[in-house]
Amino acid sequence: MNLSNKQKQHLKSLAHPLKPVVMIGGNGLTEGVLAEIEQALAHHELIKVKISTEERETKQLIADAITRETGANNVQVIGSILVLYRASKDKKISLPR
């Protein structure tokens, strides 16, 4: 599912007050971390993930891997924070058209 700019702006405004629910540390992206992200997306739909690494390329590779493995949309990356959205069956967040 591709998000329009209007939808991304709406999700960014909703994500602004959120705190990161998953933190990726020195061990990198493990199966346990992916499972936590899956669980958080299923419960919240919109989450923040903190990626603790200094290298920009590494952050981008991790963000791409997360979106590929979870099927979530990358809403934005600011510094070390990745904002992800994936609609659940309950559709808790209604997106503008």
PDB file of N, CA and C in Angstrom:
ATOM      1  N   MET A   1       0.838  -1.175   0.000  1.00  0.00           N
ATOM      2  CA  MET A   1       0.000   0.000   0.000  1.00  0.00           C
ATOM      3  C   MET A   1       0.885   1.241   0.000  1.00  0.00           C
ATOM      4  N   ASN A   2       0.732   2.066  -1.016  1.00  0.00           N
ATOM      5  CA  ASN A   2       1.465   3.322  -1.065  1.00  0.00           C
ATOM      6  C   ASN A   2       0.645   4.418  -0.413  1.00  0.00           C
ATOM      7  N   LEU A   3       1.302   5.249   0.347  1.00  0.00           N
ATOM      8  CA  LEU A   3       0.628   6.341   1.031  1.00  0.00           C
ATOM      9  C   LEU A   3       0.800   7.633   0.240  1.00  0.00           C
ATOM     10  N   SER A   4      -0.266   8.416   0.149  1.00  0.00           N
ATOM     11  CA  SER A   4      -0.170   9.717  -0.503  1.00  0.00           C
ATOM     12  C   SER A   4       0.512  10.686   0.461  1.00  0.00           C
ATOM     13  N   ASN A   5       0.921  11.835  -0.059  1.00  0.00           N
ATOM     14  CA  ASN A   5       1.551  12.836   0.797  1.00  0.00           C
ATOM     15  C   ASN A   5       0.603  13.310   1.892  1.00  0.00           C
ATOM     16  N   LYS A   6      -0.672  13.441   1.566  1.00  0.00           N
ATOM     17  CA  LYS A   6      -1.668  13.870   2.542  1.00  0.00           C
ATOM     18  C   LYS A   6      -1.783  12.836   3.669  1.00  0.00           C
ATOM     19  N   GLN A   7      -1.776  11.557   3.307  1.00  0.00           N
ATOM     20  CA  GLN A   7      -1.858  10.491   4.304  1.00  0.00           C
ATOM     21  C   GLN A   7      -0.603  10.466   5.176  1.00  0.00           C
ATOM     22  N   LYS A   8       0.565  10.655   4.556  1.00  0.00           N
ATOM     23  CA  LYS A   8       1.812  10.683   5.327  1.00  0.00           C
ATOM     24  C   LYS A   8       1.813  11.852   6.307  1.00  0.00           C
ATOM     25  N   GLN A   9       1.355  13.011   5.876  1.00  0.00           N
ATOM     26  CA  GLN A   9       1.293  14.169   6.759  1.00  0.00           C
ATOM     27  C   GLN A   9       0.380  13.890   7.946  1.00  0.00           C
ATOM     28  N   HIS A  10      -0.758  13.241   7.681  1.00  0.00           N
ATOM     29  CA  HIS A  10      -1.695  12.898   8.748  1.00  0.00           C
ATOM     30  C   HIS A  10      -1.034  11.940   9.744  1.00  0.00           C
ATOM     31  N   LEU A  11      -0.348  10.924   9.238  1.00  0.00           N
ATOM     32  CA  LEU A  11       0.322   9.953  10.112  1.00  0.00           C
ATOM     33  C   LEU A  11       1.457  10.600  10.902  1.00  0.00           C
ATOM     34  N   LYS A  12       2.193  11.522  10.283  1.00  0.00           N
ATOM     35  CA  LYS A  12       3.267  12.227  10.985  1.00  0.00           C
ATOM     36  C   LYS A  12       2.707  13.021  12.155  1.00  0.00           C
ATOM     37  N   SER A  13       1.568  13.669  11.940  1.00  0.00           N
ATOM     38  CA  SER A  13       0.972  14.458  13.021  1.00  0.00           C
ATOM     39  C   SER A  13       0.500  13.548  14.152  1.00  0.00           C
ATOM     40  N   LEU A  14      -0.008  12.367  13.815  1.00  0.00           N
ATOM     41  CA  LEU A  14      -0.425  11.417  14.845  1.00  0.00           C
ATOM     42  C   LEU A  14       0.779  10.827  15.589  1.00  0.00           C
ATOM     43  N   ALA A  15       1.897  10.663  14.886  1.00  0.00           N
ATOM     44  CA  ALA A  15       3.083  10.032  15.472  1.00  0.00           C
ATOM     45  C   ALA A  15       3.898  10.995  16.324  1.00  0.00           C
ATOM     46  N   HIS A  16       3.707  12.285  16.135  1.00  0.00           N
ATOM     47  CA  HIS A  16       4.536  13.271  16.826  1.00  0.00           C
ATOM     48  C   HIS A  16       4.621  13.054  18.344  1.00  0.00           C
ATOM     49  N   PRO A  17       3.512  12.878  19.058  1.00  0.00           N
ATOM     50  CA  PRO A  17       3.623  12.719  20.521  1.00  0.00           C
ATOM     51  C   PRO A  17       4.038  11.321  20.986  1.00  0.00           C
ATOM     52  N   LEU A  18       4.149  10.366  20.073  1.00  0.00           N
ATOM     53  CA  LEU A  18       4.460   8.987  20.461  1.00  0.00           C
ATOM     54  C   LEU A  18       5.911   8.838  20.890  1.00  0.00           C
ATOM     55  N   LYS A  19       6.150   7.899  21.764  1.00  0.00           N
ATOM     56  CA  LYS A  19       7.505   7.517  22.175  1.00  0.00           C
ATOM     57  C   LYS A  19       7.874   6.225  21.433  1.00  0.00           C
ATOM     58  N   PRO A  20       9.161   5.990  21.181  1.00  0.00           N
ATOM     59  CA  PRO A  20       9.563   4.734  20.536  1.00  0.00           C
ATOM     60  C   PRO A  20       9.158   3.524  21.375  1.00  0.00           C
ATOM     61  N   VAL A  21       8.554   2.528  20.717  1.00  0.00           N
ATOM     62  CA  VAL A  21       8.136   1.323  21.428  1.00  0.00           C
ATOM     63  C   VAL A  21       9.141   0.189  21.264  1.00  0.00           C
ATOM     64  N   VAL A  22       9.994   0.280  20.259  1.00  0.00           N
ATOM     65  CA  VAL A  22      11.029  -0.729  20.025  1.00  0.00           C
ATOM     66  C   VAL A  22      12.350   0.007  19.829  1.00  0.00           C
ATOM     67  N   MET A  23      13.407  -0.512  20.448  1.00  0.00           N
ATOM     68  CA  MET A  23      14.728   0.079  20.304  1.00  0.00           C
ATOM     69  C   MET A  23      15.682  -0.977  19.754  1.00  0.00           C
ATOM     70  N   ILE A  24      16.388  -0.613  18.703  1.00  0.00           N
ATOM     71  CA  ILE A  24      17.359  -1.517  18.091  1.00  0.00           C
ATOM     72  C   ILE A  24      18.740  -1.073  18.541  1.00  0.00           C
ATOM     73  N   GLY A  25      19.425  -1.950  19.262  1.00  0.00           N
ATOM     74  CA  GLY A  25      20.730  -1.618  19.838  1.00  0.00           C
ATOM     75  C   GLY A  25      21.884  -2.227  19.066  1.00  0.00           C
ATOM     76  N   GLY A  26      22.915  -2.555  19.803  1.00  0.00           N
ATOM     77  CA  GLY A  26      24.156  -3.051  19.231  1.00  0.00           C
ATOM     78  C   GLY A  26      24.040  -4.383  18.520  1.00  0.00           C
ATOM     79  N   ASN A  27      23.063  -5.205  18.891  1.00  0.00           N
ATOM     80  CA  ASN A  27      22.896  -6.502  18.234  1.00  0.00           C
ATOM     81  C   ASN A  27      22.239  -6.383  16.867  1.00  0.00           C
ATOM     82  N   GLY A  28      21.740  -5.222  16.551  1.00  0.00           N
ATOM     83  CA  GLY A  28      21.128  -5.004  15.244  1.00  0.00           C
ATOM     84  C   GLY A  28      19.727  -5.578  15.158  1.00  0.00           C
ATOM     85  N   LEU A  29      19.313  -5.849  13.949  1.00  0.00           N
ATOM     86  CA  LEU A  29      17.967  -6.335  13.680  1.00  0.00           C
ATOM     87  C   LEU A  29      17.939  -7.859  13.790  1.00  0.00           C
ATOM     88  N   THR A  30      17.396  -8.343  14.899  1.00  0.00           N
ATOM     89  CA  THR A  30      17.311  -9.783  15.126  1.00  0.00           C
ATOM     90  C   THR A  30      15.871 -10.246  14.937  1.00  0.00           C
ATOM     91  N   GLU A  31      15.673 -11.555  14.958  1.00  0.00           N
ATOM     92  CA  GLU A  31      14.312 -12.093  14.827  1.00  0.00           C
ATOM     93  C   GLU A  31      13.440 -11.670  15.997  1.00  0.00           C
ATOM     94  N   GLY A  32      14.026 -11.567  17.186  1.00  0.00           N
ATOM     95  CA  GLY A  32      13.284 -11.120  18.354  1.00  0.00           C
ATOM     96  C   GLY A  32      12.797  -9.686  18.208  1.00  0.00           C
ATOM     97  N   VAL A  33      13.654  -8.829  17.655  1.00  0.00           N
ATOM     98  CA  VAL A  33      13.275  -7.436  17.429  1.00  0.00           C
ATOM     99  C   VAL A  33      12.167  -7.358  16.389  1.00  0.00           C
ATOM    100  N   LEU A  34      12.293  -8.133  15.327  1.00  0.00           N
ATOM    101  CA  LEU A  34      11.243  -8.157  14.298  1.00  0.00           C
ATOM    102  C   LEU A  34       9.915  -8.637  14.872  1.00  0.00           C
ATOM    103  N   ALA A  35       9.969  -9.619  15.762  1.00  0.00           N
ATOM    104  CA  ALA A  35       8.743 -10.112  16.391  1.00  0.00           C
ATOM    105  C   ALA A  35       8.100  -9.020  17.243  1.00  0.00           C
ATOM    106  N   GLU A  36       8.909  -8.252  17.961  1.00  0.00           N
ATOM    107  CA  GLU A  36       8.391  -7.143  18.775  1.00  0.00           C
ATOM    108  C   GLU A  36       7.748  -6.082  17.890  1.00  0.00           C
ATOM    109  N   ILE A  37       8.387  -5.782  16.761  1.00  0.00           N
ATOM    110  CA  ILE A  37       7.837  -4.787  15.830  1.00  0.00           C
ATOM    111  C   ILE A  37       6.510  -5.278  15.267  1.00  0.00           C
ATOM    112  N   GLU A  38       6.455  -6.557  14.885  1.00  0.00           N
ATOM    113  CA  GLU A  38       5.209  -7.142  14.379  1.00  0.00           C
ATOM    114  C   GLU A  38       4.086  -7.014  15.395  1.00  0.00           C
ATOM    115  N   GLN A  39       4.392  -7.349  16.646  1.00  0.00           N
ATOM    116  CA  GLN A  39       3.399  -7.301  17.713  1.00  0.00           C
ATOM    117  C   GLN A  39       2.934  -5.866  17.952  1.00  0.00           C
ATOM    118  N   ALA A  40       3.877  -4.924  17.969  1.00  0.00           N
ATOM    119  CA  ALA A  40       3.531  -3.526  18.197  1.00  0.00           C
ATOM    120  C   ALA A  40       2.683  -2.976  17.051  1.00  0.00           C
ATOM    121  N   LEU A  41       3.018  -3.341  15.814  1.00  0.00           N
ATOM    122  CA  LEU A  41       2.225  -2.886  14.662  1.00  0.00           C
ATOM    123  C   LEU A  41       0.815  -3.461  14.699  1.00  0.00           C
ATOM    124  N   ALA A  42       0.703  -4.722  15.083  1.00  0.00           N
ATOM    125  CA  ALA A  42      -0.621  -5.350  15.154  1.00  0.00           C
ATOM    126  C   ALA A  42      -1.487  -4.675  16.217  1.00  0.00           C
ATOM    127  N   HIS A  43      -0.859  -4.226  17.285  1.00  0.00           N
ATOM    128  CA  HIS A  43      -1.612  -3.621  18.382  1.00  0.00           C
ATOM    129  C   HIS A  43      -1.881  -2.133  18.156  1.00  0.00           C
ATOM    130  N   HIS A  44      -0.893  -1.388  17.644  1.00  0.00           N
ATOM    131  CA  HIS A  44      -0.990   0.073  17.566  1.00  0.00           C
ATOM    132  C   HIS A  44      -1.201   0.636  16.156  1.00  0.00           C
ATOM    133  N   GLU A  45      -0.807  -0.064  15.122  1.00  0.00           N
ATOM    134  CA  GLU A  45      -0.820   0.379  13.726  1.00  0.00           C
ATOM    135  C   GLU A  45       0.267   1.406  13.409  1.00  0.00           C
ATOM    136  N   LEU A  46       0.495   2.362  14.281  1.00  0.00           N
ATOM    137  CA  LEU A  46       1.479   3.419  14.050  1.00  0.00           C
ATOM    138  C   LEU A  46       2.470   3.405  15.210  1.00  0.00           C
ATOM    139  N   ILE A  47       3.751   3.169  14.885  1.00  0.00           N
ATOM    140  CA  ILE A  47       4.757   3.073  15.951  1.00  0.00           C
ATOM    141  C   ILE A  47       6.028   3.814  15.553  1.00  0.00           C
ATOM    142  N   LYS A  48       6.842   4.072  16.580  1.00  0.00           N
ATOM    143  CA  LYS A  48       8.176   4.618  16.363  1.00  0.00           C
ATOM    144  C   LYS A  48       9.189   3.556  16.792  1.00  0.00           C
ATOM    145  N   VAL A  49      10.262   3.454  16.004  1.00  0.00           N
ATOM    146  CA  VAL A  49      11.351   2.533  16.306  1.00  0.00           C
ATOM    147  C   VAL A  49      12.627   3.357  16.380  1.00  0.00           C
ATOM    148  N   LYS A  50      13.385   3.192  17.459  1.00  0.00           N
ATOM    149  CA  LYS A  50      14.654   3.907  17.599  1.00  0.00           C
ATOM    150  C   LYS A  50      15.789   2.998  17.150  1.00  0.00           C
ATOM    151  N   ILE A  51      16.574   3.477  16.193  1.00  0.00           N
ATOM    152  CA  ILE A  51      17.709   2.724  15.666  1.00  0.00           C
ATOM    153  C   ILE A  51      18.980   3.384  16.186  1.00  0.00           C
ATOM    154  N   SER A  52      19.686   2.692  17.074  1.00  0.00           N
ATOM    155  CA  SER A  52      20.877   3.260  17.711  1.00  0.00           C
ATOM    156  C   SER A  52      22.128   2.895  16.933  1.00  0.00           C
ATOM    157  N   THR A  53      22.391   3.649  15.898  1.00  0.00           N
ATOM    158  CA  THR A  53      23.640   3.527  15.149  1.00  0.00           C
ATOM    159  C   THR A  53      23.950   4.891  14.548  1.00  0.00           C
ATOM    160  N   GLU A  54      25.211   5.176  14.380  1.00  0.00           N
ATOM    161  CA  GLU A  54      25.616   6.493  13.879  1.00  0.00           C
ATOM    162  C   GLU A  54      25.652   6.551  12.347  1.00  0.00           C
ATOM    163  N   GLU A  55      25.839   5.411  11.698  1.00  0.00           N
ATOM    164  CA  GLU A  55      26.027   5.393  10.255  1.00  0.00           C
ATOM    165  C   GLU A  55      24.697   5.506   9.522  1.00  0.00           C
ATOM    166  N   ARG A  56      24.594   6.479   8.649  1.00  0.00           N
ATOM    167  CA  ARG A  56      23.363   6.739   7.905  1.00  0.00           C
ATOM    168  C   ARG A  56      22.986   5.561   7.005  1.00  0.00           C
ATOM    169  N   GLU A  57      23.974   4.969   6.342  1.00  0.00           N
ATOM    170  CA  GLU A  57      23.695   3.844   5.438  1.00  0.00           C
ATOM    171  C   GLU A  57      23.139   2.647   6.211  1.00  0.00           C
ATOM    172  N   THR A  58      23.708   2.399   7.398  1.00  0.00           N
ATOM    173  CA  THR A  58      23.243   1.286   8.224  1.00  0.00           C
ATOM    174  C   THR A  58      21.808   1.514   8.667  1.00  0.00           C
ATOM    175  N   LYS A  59      21.487   2.743   9.080  1.00  0.00           N
ATOM    176  CA  LYS A  59      20.115   3.072   9.480  1.00  0.00           C
ATOM    177  C   LYS A  59      19.148   2.816   8.338  1.00  0.00           C
ATOM    178  N   GLN A  60      19.542   3.238   7.136  1.00  0.00           N
ATOM    179  CA  GLN A  60      18.669   3.062   5.979  1.00  0.00           C
ATOM    180  C   GLN A  60      18.490   1.590   5.637  1.00  0.00           C
ATOM    181  N   LEU A  61      19.552   0.811   5.743  1.00  0.00           N
ATOM    182  CA  LEU A  61      19.459  -0.629   5.484  1.00  0.00           C
ATOM    183  C   LEU A  61      18.533  -1.304   6.491  1.00  0.00           C
ATOM    184  N   ILE A  62      18.642  -0.912   7.767  1.00  0.00           N
ATOM    185  CA  ILE A  62      17.777  -1.485   8.802  1.00  0.00           C
ATOM    186  C   ILE A  62      16.328  -1.087   8.549  1.00  0.00           C
ATOM    187  N   ALA A  63      16.094   0.190   8.226  1.00  0.00           N
ATOM    188  CA  ALA A  63      14.731   0.667   7.954  1.00  0.00           C
ATOM    189  C   ALA A  63      14.127  -0.075   6.762  1.00  0.00           C
ATOM    190  N   ASP A  64      14.916  -0.266   5.700  1.00  0.00           N
ATOM    191  CA  ASP A  64      14.431  -0.997   4.524  1.00  0.00           C
ATOM    192  C   ASP A  64      14.112  -2.450   4.865  1.00  0.00           C
ATOM    193  N   ALA A  65      14.964  -3.075   5.675  1.00  0.00           N
ATOM    194  CA  ALA A  65      14.739  -4.470   6.066  1.00  0.00           C
ATOM    195  C   ALA A  65      13.468  -4.600   6.903  1.00  0.00           C
ATOM    196  N   ILE A  66      13.248  -3.661   7.810  1.00  0.00           N
ATOM    197  CA  ILE A  66      12.049  -3.706   8.649  1.00  0.00           C
ATOM    198  C   ILE A  66      10.794  -3.572   7.794  1.00  0.00           C
ATOM    199  N   THR A  67      10.776  -2.609   6.880  1.00  0.00           N
ATOM    200  CA  THR A  67       9.585  -2.422   6.038  1.00  0.00           C
ATOM    201  C   THR A  67       9.347  -3.628   5.139  1.00  0.00           C
ATOM    202  N   ARG A  68      10.418  -4.211   4.638  1.00  0.00           N
ATOM    203  CA  ARG A  68      10.287  -5.390   3.771  1.00  0.00           C
ATOM    204  C   ARG A  68       9.760  -6.595   4.549  1.00  0.00           C
ATOM    205  N   GLU A  69      10.304  -6.830   5.739  1.00  0.00           N
ATOM    206  CA  GLU A  69       9.933  -8.015   6.523  1.00  0.00           C
ATOM    207  C   GLU A  69       8.554  -7.908   7.161  1.00  0.00           C
ATOM    208  N   THR A  70       8.137  -6.696   7.537  1.00  0.00           N
ATOM    209  CA  THR A  70       6.861  -6.534   8.227  1.00  0.00           C
ATOM    210  C   THR A  70       5.718  -6.148   7.297  1.00  0.00           C
ATOM    211  N   GLY A  71       6.046  -5.666   6.111  1.00  0.00           N
ATOM    212  CA  GLY A  71       5.002  -5.203   5.197  1.00  0.00           C
ATOM    213  C   GLY A  71       4.426  -3.856   5.617  1.00  0.00           C
ATOM    214  N   ALA A  72       5.142  -3.147   6.478  1.00  0.00           N
ATOM    215  CA  ALA A  72       4.685  -1.844   6.956  1.00  0.00           C
ATOM    216  C   ALA A  72       5.154  -0.741   6.006  1.00  0.00           C
ATOM    217  N   ASN A  73       4.528   0.421   6.137  1.00  0.00           N
ATOM    218  CA  ASN A  73       4.931   1.591   5.361  1.00  0.00           C
ATOM    219  C   ASN A  73       5.884   2.443   6.189  1.00  0.00           C
ATOM    220  N   ASN A  74       6.957   2.866   5.557  1.00  0.00           N
ATOM    221  CA  ASN A  74       7.897   3.782   6.177  1.00  0.00           C
ATOM    222  C   ASN A  74       7.316   5.185   6.019  1.00  0.00           C
ATOM    223  N   VAL A  75       6.809   5.747   7.106  1.00  0.00           N
ATOM    224  CA  VAL A  75       6.207   7.081   7.052  1.00  0.00           C
ATOM    225  C   VAL A  75       7.302   8.140   6.998  1.00  0.00           C
ATOM    226  N   GLN A  76       8.305   8.020   7.875  1.00  0.00           N
ATOM    227  CA  GLN A  76       9.428   8.945   7.856  1.00  0.00           C
ATOM    228  C   GLN A  76      10.551   8.431   8.736  1.00  0.00           C
ATOM    229  N   VAL A  77      11.746   8.950   8.457  1.00  0.00           N
ATOM    230  CA  VAL A  77      12.914   8.698   9.294  1.00  0.00           C
ATOM    231  C   VAL A  77      13.477  10.065   9.672  1.00  0.00           C
ATOM    232  N   ILE A  78      13.528  10.325  10.971  1.00  0.00           N
ATOM    233  CA  ILE A  78      14.126  11.570  11.454  1.00  0.00           C
ATOM    234  C   ILE A  78      15.209  11.196  12.445  1.00  0.00           C
ATOM    235  N   GLY A  79      16.444  11.493  12.096  1.00  0.00           N
ATOM    236  CA  GLY A  79      17.567  11.131  12.964  1.00  0.00           C
ATOM    237  C   GLY A  79      17.618   9.631  13.144  1.00  0.00           C
ATOM    238  N   SER A  80      17.452   9.187  14.375  1.00  0.00           N
ATOM    239  CA  SER A  80      17.508   7.752  14.650  1.00  0.00           C
ATOM    240  C   SER A  80      16.119   7.153  14.858  1.00  0.00           C
ATOM    241  N   ILE A  81      15.062   7.915  14.561  1.00  0.00           N
ATOM    242  CA  ILE A  81      13.693   7.453  14.779  1.00  0.00           C
ATOM    243  C   ILE A  81      13.028   7.118  13.444  1.00  0.00           C
ATOM    244  N   LEU A  82      12.488   5.911  13.378  1.00  0.00           N
ATOM    245  CA  LEU A  82      11.751   5.435  12.212  1.00  0.00           C
ATOM    246  C   LEU A  82      10.275   5.358  12.590  1.00  0.00           C
ATOM    247  N   VAL A  83       9.414   5.942  11.767  1.00  0.00           N
ATOM    248  CA  VAL A  83       7.971   5.890  12.005  1.00  0.00           C
ATOM    249  C   VAL A  83       7.372   4.905  11.007  1.00  0.00           C
ATOM    250  N   LEU A  84       6.665   3.899  11.522  1.00  0.00           N
ATOM    251  CA  LEU A  84       6.069   2.852  10.696  1.00  0.00           C
ATOM    252  C   LEU A  84       4.555   2.831  10.845  1.00  0.00           C
ATOM    253  N   TYR A  85       3.871   2.501   9.738  1.00  0.00           N
ATOM    254  CA  TYR A  85       2.419   2.348   9.767  1.00  0.00           C
ATOM    255  C   TYR A  85       2.041   1.074   9.014  1.00  0.00           C
ATOM    256  N   ARG A  86       1.165   0.306   9.610  1.00  0.00           N
ATOM    257  CA  ARG A  86       0.570  -0.846   8.931  1.00  0.00           C
ATOM    258  C   ARG A  86      -0.849  -0.999   9.457  1.00  0.00           C
ATOM    259  N   ALA A  87      -1.812  -0.939   8.557  1.00  0.00           N
ATOM    260  CA  ALA A  87      -3.217  -1.048   8.953  1.00  0.00           C
ATOM    261  C   ALA A  87      -3.485  -2.433   9.518  1.00  0.00           C
ATOM    262  N   SER A  88      -4.268  -2.476  10.588  1.00  0.00           N
ATOM    263  CA  SER A  88      -4.666  -3.763  11.159  1.00  0.00           C
ATOM    264  C   SER A  88      -6.084  -4.085  10.710  1.00  0.00           C
ATOM    265  N   LYS A  89      -6.583  -5.240  11.108  1.00  0.00           N
ATOM    266  CA  LYS A  89      -7.941  -5.646  10.738  1.00  0.00           C
ATOM    267  C   LYS A  89      -8.974  -4.703  11.349  1.00  0.00           C
ATOM    268  N   ASP A  90      -8.635  -4.149  12.523  1.00  0.00           N
ATOM    269  CA  ASP A  90      -9.567  -3.265  13.222  1.00  0.00           C
ATOM    270  C   ASP A  90      -9.631  -1.861  12.632  1.00  0.00           C
ATOM    271  N   LYS A  91      -8.632  -1.477  11.847  1.00  0.00           N
ATOM    272  CA  LYS A  91      -8.554  -0.144  11.252  1.00  0.00           C
ATOM    273  C   LYS A  91      -8.767   0.951  12.291  1.00  0.00           C
ATOM    274  N   LYS A  92      -7.858   1.023  13.255  1.00  0.00           N
ATOM    275  CA  LYS A  92      -7.964   1.997  14.337  1.00  0.00           C
ATOM    276  C   LYS A  92      -7.726   3.417  13.833  1.00  0.00           C
ATOM    277  N   ILE A  93      -6.869   3.576  12.834  1.00  0.00           N
ATOM    278  CA  ILE A  93      -6.563   4.883  12.288  1.00  0.00           C
ATOM    279  C   ILE A  93      -7.239   5.024  10.926  1.00  0.00           C
ATOM    280  N   SER A  94      -8.015   6.079  10.770  1.00  0.00           N
ATOM    281  CA  SER A  94      -8.650   6.322   9.467  1.00  0.00           C
ATOM    282  C   SER A  94      -7.812   7.345   8.709  1.00  0.00           C
ATOM    283  N   LEU A  95      -7.414   6.964   7.506  1.00  0.00           N
ATOM    284  CA  LEU A  95      -6.575   7.818   6.688  1.00  0.00           C
ATOM    285  C   LEU A  95      -7.418   8.708   5.787  1.00  0.00           C
ATOM    286  N   PRO A  96      -6.972   9.954   5.568  1.00  0.00           N
ATOM    287  CA  PRO A  96      -7.671  10.814   4.603  1.00  0.00           C
ATOM    288  C   PRO A  96      -7.471  10.279   3.191  1.00  0.00           C
ATOM    289  N   ARG A  97      -8.362  10.608   2.318  1.00  0.00           N
ATOM    290  CA  ARG A  97      -8.245  10.154   0.914  1.00  0.00           C
ATOM    291  C   ARG A  97      -7.338  11.014   0.105  1.00  0.00           C
TER     292      ARG A  97
END
